[in-house]
Every structure is written in structure tokens, then in C-alpha cells.
Amino acid sequence: PNPANPRARIAYTVGRAGTVRLSLHDAAGRRVRLLRDGYQGRGAYDLVWDGEDEEGRPVASGVYHVRLQAEGTVDTGRVVLVR
């Protein structure tokens, strides 16, 4: 669900096998967390973000931008976290 509390499910599709980088950024564009970085085959995936940053600290309520880099393209979305 969006808004999410305290965890968010992020679904995405990879059209061609290759390196996938999925990251979350705050409203200022700073990376909050790297969720996936590596090879993935073609297909639909989902993962759960636990509402924490890369140091394991809970992040504040707000809008976070999801950035997916795959197949030489970049796609974005957003997650609203409410605590």
C-alpha cells in the first residue's frame, strides 16, 4: 500500500536479464538506501523496504523516490512513508 507504514512493498519488472540497481532517495535527492545491486534475470520482482536507511536507522515520514536502473534505462517511482 502507498502510503506505507512501517514497511513498503516495491514491485518492478526487468525486461531483459542484466545488472539491476534499485535505490531509494529522499526529497533532496540523497540516497537513503540501496535495495538491489546485481544481476537479475528477466521477470517481475518485488521486495519489501523496512523503512530503514543503510545504517539500519528508521527514516522519517515523507516521500521517498525509488530509482530503478536496468537495461541502460532509468525509471522512477515514489513511496510515501507514514510513521
Protein backbone atom coordinates (compact mmCIF):
# COMPACT_ATOMS: atom_id res chain seq x y z
CA PRO A 1 0.00 0.00 0.00
CA ASN A 2 1.01 3.58 -0.54
CA PRO A 3 1.26 5.31 1.92
CA ALA A 4 3.14 2.63 3.76
CA ASN A 5 3.63 2.06 7.47
CA PRO A 6 6.14 0.87 8.56
CA ARG A 7 7.14 -1.19 5.50
CA ALA A 8 6.62 -0.72 1.78
CA ARG A 9 6.37 -3.32 -0.96
CA ILE A 10 8.14 -2.26 -4.15
CA ALA A 11 7.27 -4.14 -7.35
CA TYR A 12 9.25 -3.87 -10.59
CA THR A 13 9.81 -5.68 -13.87
CA VAL A 14 13.05 -6.44 -15.65
CA GLY A 15 12.56 -6.79 -19.40
CA ARG A 16 15.99 -8.23 -20.14
CA ALA A 17 18.46 -10.02 -17.90
CA GLY A 18 21.30 -7.87 -16.66
CA THR A 19 22.52 -5.63 -13.90
CA VAL A 20 19.76 -4.03 -11.83
CA ARG A 21 20.26 -1.21 -9.35
CA LEU A 22 17.29 -0.20 -7.20
CA SER A 23 17.72 2.66 -4.75
CA LEU A 24 15.65 4.96 -2.54
CA HIS A 25 16.27 8.70 -2.32
CA ASP A 26 14.87 11.45 -0.12
CA ALA A 27 13.18 14.61 -1.43
CA ALA A 28 16.57 16.34 -1.71
CA GLY A 29 17.89 13.54 -3.93
CA ARG A 30 20.22 11.99 -1.35
CA ARG A 31 20.39 8.21 -1.44
CA VAL A 32 18.74 6.71 1.62
CA ARG A 33 19.23 3.05 0.81
CA LEU A 34 20.47 0.76 -1.92
CA LEU A 35 17.94 -2.06 -2.12
CA ARG A 36 19.28 -4.14 -5.01
CA ASP A 37 22.52 -4.05 -6.95
CA GLY A 38 23.38 -7.03 -9.08
CA TYR A 39 22.36 -9.38 -11.82
CA GLN A 40 18.71 -10.34 -12.23
CA GLY A 41 17.01 -12.40 -14.87
CA ARG A 42 14.06 -11.21 -16.90
CA GLY A 43 10.77 -11.14 -14.98
CA ALA A 44 8.64 -9.49 -12.32
CA TYR A 45 10.05 -8.93 -8.85
CA ASP A 46 9.04 -7.35 -5.61
CA LEU A 47 10.81 -6.60 -2.38
CA VAL A 48 9.91 -5.09 0.96
CA TRP A 49 11.61 -1.97 2.26
CA ASP A 50 11.59 -1.97 6.05
CA GLY A 51 11.61 1.83 6.37
CA GLU A 52 15.26 1.96 7.40
CA ASP A 53 18.29 3.66 5.88
CA GLU A 54 21.59 1.96 5.00
CA GLU A 55 22.71 2.19 8.63
CA GLY A 56 19.60 0.40 9.90
CA ARG A 57 18.02 3.55 11.35
CA PRO A 58 14.31 4.25 10.84
CA VAL A 59 13.74 7.10 8.40
CA ALA A 60 11.27 9.93 8.92
CA SER A 61 7.80 10.08 7.43
CA GLY A 62 7.79 11.54 3.97
CA VAL A 63 8.01 10.95 0.24
CA TYR A 64 10.86 8.78 -0.99
CA HIS A 65 11.79 8.31 -4.63
CA VAL A 66 12.52 4.85 -5.99
CA ARG A 67 15.07 4.74 -8.80
CA LEU A 68 15.45 1.64 -10.97
CA GLN A 69 18.44 1.42 -13.31
CA ALA A 70 18.31 -1.55 -15.69
CA GLU A 71 18.92 -2.29 -19.34
CA GLY A 72 20.54 1.10 -19.85
CA THR A 73 17.42 2.95 -18.73
CA VAL A 74 16.27 4.69 -15.57
CA ASP A 75 12.73 4.55 -14.20
CA THR A 76 11.42 6.29 -11.10
CA GLY A 77 8.51 5.98 -8.74
CA ARG A 78 7.70 7.09 -5.25
CA VAL A 79 6.79 5.70 -1.86
CA VAL A 80 5.05 7.65 0.89
CA LEU A 81 6.09 6.50 4.35
CA VAL A 82 3.89 7.43 7.32
CA ARG A 83 5.04 6.71 10.83
